PDB file of N, CA and C in Angstrom:
ATOM      1  N   MET A   1     -13.440   0.267  54.679  1.00  0.00           N
ATOM      2  CA  MET A   1     -14.803  -0.198  54.547  1.00  0.00           C
ATOM      3  C   MET A   1     -14.778  -1.715  54.356  1.00  0.00           C
ATOM      4  N   THR A   2     -15.733  -2.394  54.969  1.00  0.00           N
ATOM      5  CA  THR A   2     -15.828  -3.844  54.831  1.00  0.00           C
ATOM      6  C   THR A   2     -17.248  -4.237  54.455  1.00  0.00           C
ATOM      7  N   MET A   3     -17.364  -5.456  53.942  1.00  0.00           N
ATOM      8  CA  MET A   3     -18.684  -6.034  53.715  1.00  0.00           C
ATOM      9  C   MET A   3     -18.767  -7.288  54.572  1.00  0.00           C
ATOM     10  N   GLU A   4     -19.966  -7.669  54.938  1.00  0.00           N
ATOM     11  CA  GLU A   4     -20.140  -8.853  55.759  1.00  0.00           C
ATOM     12  C   GLU A   4     -20.327 -10.072  54.868  1.00  0.00           C
ATOM     13  N   TYR A   5     -19.745 -11.183  55.306  1.00  0.00           N
ATOM     14  CA  TYR A   5     -19.869 -12.451  54.591  1.00  0.00           C
ATOM     15  C   TYR A   5     -20.186 -13.520  55.625  1.00  0.00           C
ATOM     16  N   ILE A   6     -21.227 -14.299  55.398  1.00  0.00           N
ATOM     17  CA  ILE A   6     -21.587 -15.400  56.289  1.00  0.00           C
ATOM     18  C   ILE A   6     -21.133 -16.692  55.623  1.00  0.00           C
ATOM     19  N   THR A   7     -20.310 -17.447  56.348  1.00  0.00           N
ATOM     20  CA  THR A   7     -19.720 -18.655  55.770  1.00  0.00           C
ATOM     21  C   THR A   7     -20.768 -19.710  55.451  1.00  0.00           C
ATOM     22  N   LEU A   8     -20.486 -20.417  54.372  1.00  0.00           N
ATOM     23  CA  LEU A   8     -21.320 -21.514  53.889  1.00  0.00           C
ATOM     24  C   LEU A   8     -20.619 -22.833  54.197  1.00  0.00           C
ATOM     25  N   PRO A   9     -21.334 -23.947  54.126  1.00  0.00           N
ATOM     26  CA  PRO A   9     -20.685 -25.235  54.367  1.00  0.00           C
ATOM     27  C   PRO A   9     -19.499 -25.432  53.416  1.00  0.00           C
ATOM     28  N   GLY A  10     -18.356 -25.800  53.966  1.00  0.00           N
ATOM     29  CA  GLY A  10     -17.172 -26.055  53.151  1.00  0.00           C
ATOM     30  C   GLY A  10     -16.322 -24.841  52.832  1.00  0.00           C
ATOM     31  N   ASP A  11     -16.721 -23.663  53.293  1.00  0.00           N
ATOM     32  CA  ASP A  11     -15.930 -22.461  53.010  1.00  0.00           C
ATOM     33  C   ASP A  11     -14.548 -22.549  53.657  1.00  0.00           C
ATOM     34  N   ARG A  12     -13.569 -22.060  52.916  1.00  0.00           N
ATOM     35  CA  ARG A  12     -12.185 -21.945  53.390  1.00  0.00           C
ATOM     36  C   ARG A  12     -11.766 -20.496  53.167  1.00  0.00           C
ATOM     37  N   TRP A  13     -10.691 -20.086  53.857  1.00  0.00           N
ATOM     38  CA  TRP A  13     -10.209 -18.716  53.700  1.00  0.00           C
ATOM     39  C   TRP A  13      -9.864 -18.408  52.245  1.00  0.00           C
ATOM     40  N   ASP A  14      -9.182 -19.353  51.573  1.00  0.00           N
ATOM     41  CA  ASP A  14      -8.789 -19.097  50.185  1.00  0.00           C
ATOM     42  C   ASP A  14      -9.994 -19.025  49.257  1.00  0.00           C
ATOM     43  N   LEU A  15     -11.026 -19.820  49.529  1.00  0.00           N
ATOM     44  CA  LEU A  15     -12.230 -19.796  48.705  1.00  0.00           C
ATOM     45  C   LEU A  15     -12.968 -18.465  48.860  1.00  0.00           C
ATOM     46  N   ILE A  16     -13.020 -17.965  50.081  1.00  0.00           N
ATOM     47  CA  ILE A  16     -13.668 -16.670  50.315  1.00  0.00           C
ATOM     48  C   ILE A  16     -12.889 -15.547  49.632  1.00  0.00           C
ATOM     49  N   ALA A  17     -11.562 -15.638  49.658  1.00  0.00           N
ATOM     50  CA  ALA A  17     -10.736 -14.644  48.952  1.00  0.00           C
ATOM     51  C   ALA A  17     -11.027 -14.689  47.452  1.00  0.00           C
ATOM     52  N   TYR A  18     -11.129 -15.894  46.899  1.00  0.00           N
ATOM     53  CA  TYR A  18     -11.411 -16.019  45.469  1.00  0.00           C
ATOM     54  C   TYR A  18     -12.799 -15.474  45.136  1.00  0.00           C
ATOM     55  N   LYS A  19     -13.791 -15.796  45.967  1.00  0.00           N
ATOM     56  CA  LYS A  19     -15.153 -15.286  45.737  1.00  0.00           C
ATOM     57  C   LYS A  19     -15.188 -13.756  45.835  1.00  0.00           C
ATOM     58  N   SER A  20     -14.412 -13.213  46.764  1.00  0.00           N
ATOM     59  CA  SER A  20     -14.448 -11.774  47.018  1.00  0.00           C
ATOM     60  C   SER A  20     -13.616 -10.957  46.045  1.00  0.00           C
ATOM     61  N   TYR A  21     -12.432 -11.477  45.685  1.00  0.00           N
ATOM     62  CA  TYR A  21     -11.489 -10.697  44.887  1.00  0.00           C
ATOM     63  C   TYR A  21     -11.142 -11.313  43.542  1.00  0.00           C
ATOM     64  N   GLY A  22     -11.602 -12.535  43.286  1.00  0.00           N
ATOM     65  CA  GLY A  22     -11.296 -13.173  42.011  1.00  0.00           C
ATOM     66  C   GLY A  22      -9.908 -13.782  41.946  1.00  0.00           C
ATOM     67  N   THR A  23      -9.217 -13.835  43.074  1.00  0.00           N
ATOM     68  CA  THR A  23      -7.879 -14.409  43.119  1.00  0.00           C
ATOM     69  C   THR A  23      -7.565 -14.851  44.539  1.00  0.00           C
ATOM     70  N   VAL A  24      -6.632 -15.789  44.658  1.00  0.00           N
ATOM     71  CA  VAL A  24      -6.114 -16.161  45.974  1.00  0.00           C
ATOM     72  C   VAL A  24      -4.694 -15.628  46.132  1.00  0.00           C
ATOM     73  N   GLY A  25      -4.212 -14.962  45.091  1.00  0.00           N
ATOM     74  CA  GLY A  25      -2.845 -14.432  45.094  1.00  0.00           C
ATOM     75  C   GLY A  25      -2.799 -12.994  45.553  1.00  0.00           C
ATOM     76  N   GLN A  26      -1.907 -12.243  44.943  1.00  0.00           N
ATOM     77  CA  GLN A  26      -1.667 -10.851  45.301  1.00  0.00           C
ATOM     78  C   GLN A  26      -2.734  -9.936  44.724  1.00  0.00           C
ATOM     79  N   ILE A  27      -3.122  -8.955  45.523  1.00  0.00           N
ATOM     80  CA  ILE A  27      -4.026  -7.905  45.054  1.00  0.00           C
ATOM     81  C   ILE A  27      -3.378  -6.558  45.345  1.00  0.00           C
ATOM     82  N   ALA A  28      -3.694  -5.581  44.509  1.00  0.00           N
ATOM     83  CA  ALA A  28      -3.140  -4.232  44.686  1.00  0.00           C
ATOM     84  C   ALA A  28      -4.185  -3.362  45.366  1.00  0.00           C
ATOM     85  N   LEU A  29      -3.786  -2.728  46.442  1.00  0.00           N
ATOM     86  CA  LEU A  29      -4.674  -1.793  47.115  1.00  0.00           C
ATOM     87  C   LEU A  29      -4.621  -0.446  46.397  1.00  0.00           C
ATOM     88  N   GLU A  30      -5.506   0.455  46.766  1.00  0.00           N
ATOM     89  CA  GLU A  30      -5.564   1.771  46.110  1.00  0.00           C
ATOM     90  C   GLU A  30      -4.244   2.518  46.178  1.00  0.00           C
ATOM     91  N   ASP A  31      -3.500   2.328  47.257  1.00  0.00           N
ATOM     92  CA  ASP A  31      -2.228   3.037  47.408  1.00  0.00           C
ATOM     93  C   ASP A  31      -1.084   2.347  46.668  1.00  0.00           C
ATOM     94  N   GLY A  32      -1.398   1.256  45.940  1.00  0.00           N
ATOM     95  CA  GLY A  32      -0.381   0.538  45.183  1.00  0.00           C
ATOM     96  C   GLY A  32       0.283  -0.584  45.948  1.00  0.00           C
ATOM     97  N   GLN A  33       0.026  -0.666  47.250  1.00  0.00           N
ATOM     98  CA  GLN A  33       0.593  -1.745  48.068  1.00  0.00           C
ATOM     99  C   GLN A  33       0.020  -3.087  47.625  1.00  0.00           C
ATOM    100  N   MET A  34       0.874  -4.098  47.531  1.00  0.00           N
ATOM    101  CA  MET A  34       0.441  -5.446  47.168  1.00  0.00           C
ATOM    102  C   MET A  34       0.274  -6.270  48.443  1.00  0.00           C
ATOM    103  N   VAL A  35      -0.861  -6.970  48.552  1.00  0.00           N
ATOM    104  CA  VAL A  35      -1.122  -7.830  49.699  1.00  0.00           C
ATOM    105  C   VAL A  35      -1.684  -9.157  49.203  1.00  0.00           C
ATOM    106  N   ASN A  36      -1.534 -10.192  50.024  1.00  0.00           N
ATOM    107  CA  ASN A  36      -2.113 -11.491  49.714  1.00  0.00           C
ATOM    108  C   ASN A  36      -3.608 -11.428  50.022  1.00  0.00           C
ATOM    109  N   ALA A  37      -4.444 -11.844  49.076  1.00  0.00           N
ATOM    110  CA  ALA A  37      -5.896 -11.734  49.214  1.00  0.00           C
ATOM    111  C   ALA A  37      -6.415 -12.466  50.451  1.00  0.00           C
ATOM    112  N   MET A  38      -5.977 -13.697  50.656  1.00  0.00           N
ATOM    113  CA  MET A  38      -6.448 -14.479  51.793  1.00  0.00           C
ATOM    114  C   MET A  38      -5.988 -13.845  53.110  1.00  0.00           C
ATOM    115  N   SER A  39      -4.731 -13.449  53.181  1.00  0.00           N
ATOM    116  CA  SER A  39      -4.198 -12.836  54.397  1.00  0.00           C
ATOM    117  C   SER A  39      -4.920 -11.535  54.730  1.00  0.00           C
ATOM    118  N   TYR A  40      -5.319 -10.800  53.716  1.00  0.00           N
ATOM    119  CA  TYR A  40      -6.027  -9.535  53.905  1.00  0.00           C
ATOM    120  C   TYR A  40      -7.350  -9.771  54.637  1.00  0.00           C
ATOM    121  N   ILE A  41      -8.051 -10.838  54.261  1.00  0.00           N
ATOM    122  CA  ILE A  41      -9.318 -11.174  54.914  1.00  0.00           C
ATOM    123  C   ILE A  41      -9.063 -11.718  56.321  1.00  0.00           C
ATOM    124  N   VAL A  42      -8.057 -12.565  56.474  1.00  0.00           N
ATOM    125  CA  VAL A  42      -7.720 -13.122  57.791  1.00  0.00           C
ATOM    126  C   VAL A  42      -7.403 -11.989  58.766  1.00  0.00           C
ATOM    127  N   GLN A  43      -6.623 -11.007  58.335  1.00  0.00           N
ATOM    128  CA  GLN A  43      -6.252  -9.884  59.201  1.00  0.00           C
ATOM    129  C   GLN A  43      -7.463  -9.048  59.610  1.00  0.00           C
ATOM    130  N   ALA A  44      -8.490  -9.022  58.783  1.00  0.00           N
ATOM    131  CA  ALA A  44      -9.695  -8.261  59.097  1.00  0.00           C
ATOM    132  C   ALA A  44     -10.584  -8.989  60.100  1.00  0.00           C
ATOM    133  N   ASN A  45     -10.246 -10.249  60.401  1.00  0.00           N
ATOM    134  CA  ASN A  45     -11.027 -11.073  61.324  1.00  0.00           C
ATOM    135  C   ASN A  45     -10.115 -11.709  62.366  1.00  0.00           C
ATOM    136  N   PRO A  46      -9.487 -10.895  63.215  1.00  0.00           N
ATOM    137  CA  PRO A  46      -8.457 -11.408  64.120  1.00  0.00           C
ATOM    138  C   PRO A  46      -8.949 -12.402  65.165  1.00  0.00           C
ATOM    139  N   GLY A  47     -10.216 -12.436  65.476  1.00  0.00           N
ATOM    140  CA  GLY A  47     -10.712 -13.336  66.511  1.00  0.00           C
ATOM    141  C   GLY A  47     -11.002 -14.745  66.027  1.00  0.00           C
ATOM    142  N   LEU A  48     -10.834 -15.003  64.735  1.00  0.00           N
ATOM    143  CA  LEU A  48     -11.175 -16.325  64.193  1.00  0.00           C
ATOM    144  C   LEU A  48      -9.932 -17.173  63.965  1.00  0.00           C
ATOM    145  N   LYS A  49     -10.096 -18.485  64.110  1.00  0.00           N
ATOM    146  CA  LYS A  49      -8.991 -19.423  63.911  1.00  0.00           C
ATOM    147  C   LYS A  49      -8.689 -19.601  62.428  1.00  0.00           C
ATOM    148  N   LEU A  50      -7.488 -20.050  62.147  1.00  0.00           N
ATOM    149  CA  LEU A  50      -7.084 -20.348  60.773  1.00  0.00           C
ATOM    150  C   LEU A  50      -7.376 -21.816  60.457  1.00  0.00           C
ATOM    151  N   ASP A  51      -8.610 -22.246  60.701  1.00  0.00           N
ATOM    152  CA  ASP A  51      -9.007 -23.612  60.389  1.00  0.00           C
ATOM    153  C   ASP A  51      -8.995 -23.820  58.884  1.00  0.00           C
ATOM    154  N   SER A  52      -8.753 -25.067  58.466  1.00  0.00           N
ATOM    155  CA  SER A  52      -8.743 -25.345  57.030  1.00  0.00           C
ATOM    156  C   SER A  52     -10.146 -25.180  56.442  1.00  0.00           C
ATOM    157  N   ILE A  53     -11.161 -25.630  57.170  1.00  0.00           N
ATOM    158  CA  ILE A  53     -12.541 -25.421  56.738  1.00  0.00           C
ATOM    159  C   ILE A  53     -13.244 -24.674  57.855  1.00  0.00           C
ATOM    160  N   LEU A  54     -13.864 -23.558  57.495  1.00  0.00           N
ATOM    161  CA  LEU A  54     -14.537 -22.721  58.490  1.00  0.00           C
ATOM    162  C   LEU A  54     -15.906 -23.286  58.840  1.00  0.00           C
ATOM    163  N   SER A  55     -16.346 -23.032  60.048  1.00  0.00           N
ATOM    164  CA  SER A  55     -17.678 -23.448  60.464  1.00  0.00           C
ATOM    165  C   SER A  55     -18.723 -22.670  59.674  1.00  0.00           C
ATOM    166  N   GLU A  56     -19.835 -23.311  59.427  1.00  0.00           N
ATOM    167  CA  GLU A  56     -20.941 -22.666  58.725  1.00  0.00           C
ATOM    168  C   GLU A  56     -21.562 -21.587  59.621  1.00  0.00           C
ATOM    169  N   GLY A  57     -21.934 -20.470  59.031  1.00  0.00           N
ATOM    170  CA  GLY A  57     -22.645 -19.420  59.742  1.00  0.00           C
ATOM    171  C   GLY A  57     -21.780 -18.390  60.455  1.00  0.00           C
ATOM    172  N   LEU A  58     -20.460 -18.426  60.250  1.00  0.00           N
ATOM    173  CA  LEU A  58     -19.595 -17.406  60.852  1.00  0.00           C
ATOM    174  C   LEU A  58     -19.773 -16.083  60.106  1.00  0.00           C
ATOM    175  N   LEU A  59     -19.756 -14.995  60.837  1.00  0.00           N
ATOM    176  CA  LEU A  59     -19.852 -13.667  60.223  1.00  0.00           C
ATOM    177  C   LEU A  59     -18.439 -13.117  60.064  1.00  0.00           C
ATOM    178  N   LEU A  60     -18.016 -12.926  58.819  1.00  0.00           N
ATOM    179  CA  LEU A  60     -16.687 -12.394  58.516  1.00  0.00           C
ATOM    180  C   LEU A  60     -16.813 -10.974  57.998  1.00  0.00           C
ATOM    181  N   GLN A  61     -15.770 -10.199  58.218  1.00  0.00           N
ATOM    182  CA  GLN A  61     -15.647  -8.863  57.633  1.00  0.00           C
ATOM    183  C   GLN A  61     -14.646  -8.975  56.489  1.00  0.00           C
ATOM    184  N   VAL A  62     -15.078  -8.623  55.294  1.00  0.00           N
ATOM    185  CA  VAL A  62     -14.207  -8.685  54.116  1.00  0.00           C
ATOM    186  C   VAL A  62     -13.942  -7.257  53.651  1.00  0.00           C
ATOM    187  N   PRO A  63     -12.663  -6.830  53.686  1.00  0.00           N
ATOM    188  CA  PRO A  63     -12.358  -5.471  53.235  1.00  0.00           C
ATOM    189  C   PRO A  63     -12.762  -5.259  51.769  1.00  0.00           C
ATOM    190  N   VAL A  64     -13.378  -4.130  51.508  1.00  0.00           N
ATOM    191  CA  VAL A  64     -13.803  -3.786  50.152  1.00  0.00           C
ATOM    192  C   VAL A  64     -12.651  -3.072  49.450  1.00  0.00           C
ATOM    193  N   ILE A  65     -12.340  -3.540  48.261  1.00  0.00           N
ATOM    194  CA  ILE A  65     -11.308  -2.919  47.434  1.00  0.00           C
ATOM    195  C   ILE A  65     -11.976  -2.506  46.126  1.00  0.00           C
ATOM    196  N   PRO A  66     -11.803  -1.267  45.696  1.00  0.00           N
ATOM    197  CA  PRO A  66     -12.403  -0.872  44.411  1.00  0.00           C
ATOM    198  C   PRO A  66     -11.988  -1.842  43.309  1.00  0.00           C
ATOM    199  N   SER A  67     -12.916  -2.242  42.481  1.00  0.00           N
ATOM    200  CA  SER A  67     -12.633  -3.260  41.465  1.00  0.00           C
ATOM    201  C   SER A  67     -11.502  -2.844  40.532  1.00  0.00           C
ATOM    202  N   ALA A  68     -11.323  -1.559  40.316  1.00  0.00           N
ATOM    203  CA  ALA A  68     -10.240  -1.106  39.441  1.00  0.00           C
ATOM    204  C   ALA A  68      -8.872  -1.407  40.040  1.00  0.00           C
ATOM    205  N   ALA A  69      -8.807  -1.569  41.365  1.00  0.00           N
ATOM    206  CA  ALA A  69      -7.527  -1.802  42.018  1.00  0.00           C
ATOM    207  C   ALA A  69      -7.171  -3.282  42.108  1.00  0.00           C
ATOM    208  N   VAL A  70      -8.150  -4.171  41.937  1.00  0.00           N
ATOM    209  CA  VAL A  70      -7.889  -5.605  42.083  1.00  0.00           C
ATOM    210  C   VAL A  70      -7.122  -6.116  40.873  1.00  0.00           C
ATOM    211  N   LYS A  71      -5.964  -6.684  41.120  1.00  0.00           N
ATOM    212  CA  LYS A  71      -5.118  -7.237  40.065  1.00  0.00           C
ATOM    213  C   LYS A  71      -5.073  -8.755  40.218  1.00  0.00           C
ATOM    214  N   THR A  72      -5.307  -9.461  39.149  1.00  0.00           N
ATOM    215  CA  THR A  72      -5.241 -10.916  39.188  1.00  0.00           C
ATOM    216  C   THR A  72      -3.808 -11.358  38.970  1.00  0.00           C
ATOM    217  N   ASP A  73      -3.385 -12.329  39.729  1.00  0.00           N
ATOM    218  CA  ASP A  73      -2.054 -12.905  39.585  1.00  0.00           C
ATOM    219  C   ASP A  73      -1.955 -13.549  38.209  1.00  0.00           C
ATOM    220  N   PRO A  74      -1.053 -13.104  37.344  1.00  0.00           N
ATOM    221  CA  PRO A  74      -0.943 -13.652  35.991  1.00  0.00           C
ATOM    222  C   PRO A  74      -0.700 -15.160  35.972  1.00  0.00           C
ATOM    223  N   GLN A  75      -0.068 -15.700  37.002  1.00  0.00           N
ATOM    224  CA  GLN A  75       0.199 -17.139  37.030  1.00  0.00           C
ATOM    225  C   GLN A  75      -1.085 -17.956  37.176  1.00  0.00           C
ATOM    226  N   LEU A  76      -2.172 -17.323  37.639  1.00  0.00           N
ATOM    227  CA  LEU A  76      -3.436 -18.026  37.787  1.00  0.00           C
ATOM    228  C   LEU A  76      -4.293 -17.974  36.519  1.00  0.00           C
ATOM    229  N   LEU A  77      -3.868 -17.163  35.561  1.00  0.00           N
ATOM    230  CA  LEU A  77      -4.613 -17.046  34.310  1.00  0.00           C
ATOM    231  C   LEU A  77      -4.194 -18.131  33.335  1.00  0.00           C
ATOM    232  N   PRO A  78      -5.111 -18.530  32.444  1.00  0.00           N
ATOM    233  CA  PRO A  78      -4.708 -19.479  31.407  1.00  0.00           C
ATOM    234  C   PRO A  78      -3.678 -18.800  30.477  1.00  0.00           C
ATOM    235  N   PRO A  79      -2.842 -19.575  29.806  1.00  0.00           N
ATOM    236  CA  PRO A  79      -1.768 -19.003  28.979  1.00  0.00           C
ATOM    237  C   PRO A  79      -2.241 -17.963  27.961  1.00  0.00           C
ATOM    238  N   TRP A  80      -3.403 -18.151  27.386  1.00  0.00           N
ATOM    239  CA  TRP A  80      -3.846 -17.213  26.338  1.00  0.00           C
ATOM    240  C   TRP A  80      -4.324 -15.876  26.910  1.00  0.00           C
ATOM    241  N   LYS A  81      -4.433 -15.760  28.248  1.00  0.00           N
ATOM    242  CA  LYS A  81      -4.818 -14.478  28.852  1.00  0.00           C
ATOM    243  C   LYS A  81      -3.650 -13.787  29.546  1.00  0.00           C
ATOM    244  N   ARG A  82      -2.459 -14.390  29.522  1.00  0.00           N
ATOM    245  CA  ARG A  82      -1.300 -13.770  30.193  1.00  0.00           C
ATOM    246  C   ARG A  82      -0.697 -12.692  29.335  1.00  0.00           C
TER     247      ARG A  82
END
């Protein structure tokens, strides 16, 4: 299952991953497989270029992951939350 996301001015693949999953690092899928958040979105949109900044108004498909399965990379957390 995917949700649609329309790019805003200045959007980047990593920013969309952070907005969608709360991390730009590794996320755990329901089956326990670990994937890179940004790469997961890129793979769901094979017809788009890997530009550093995406054009405004592009329609992206962002795979939906149950929130219970999303794991934040501990290295991205402040020390008191690790």
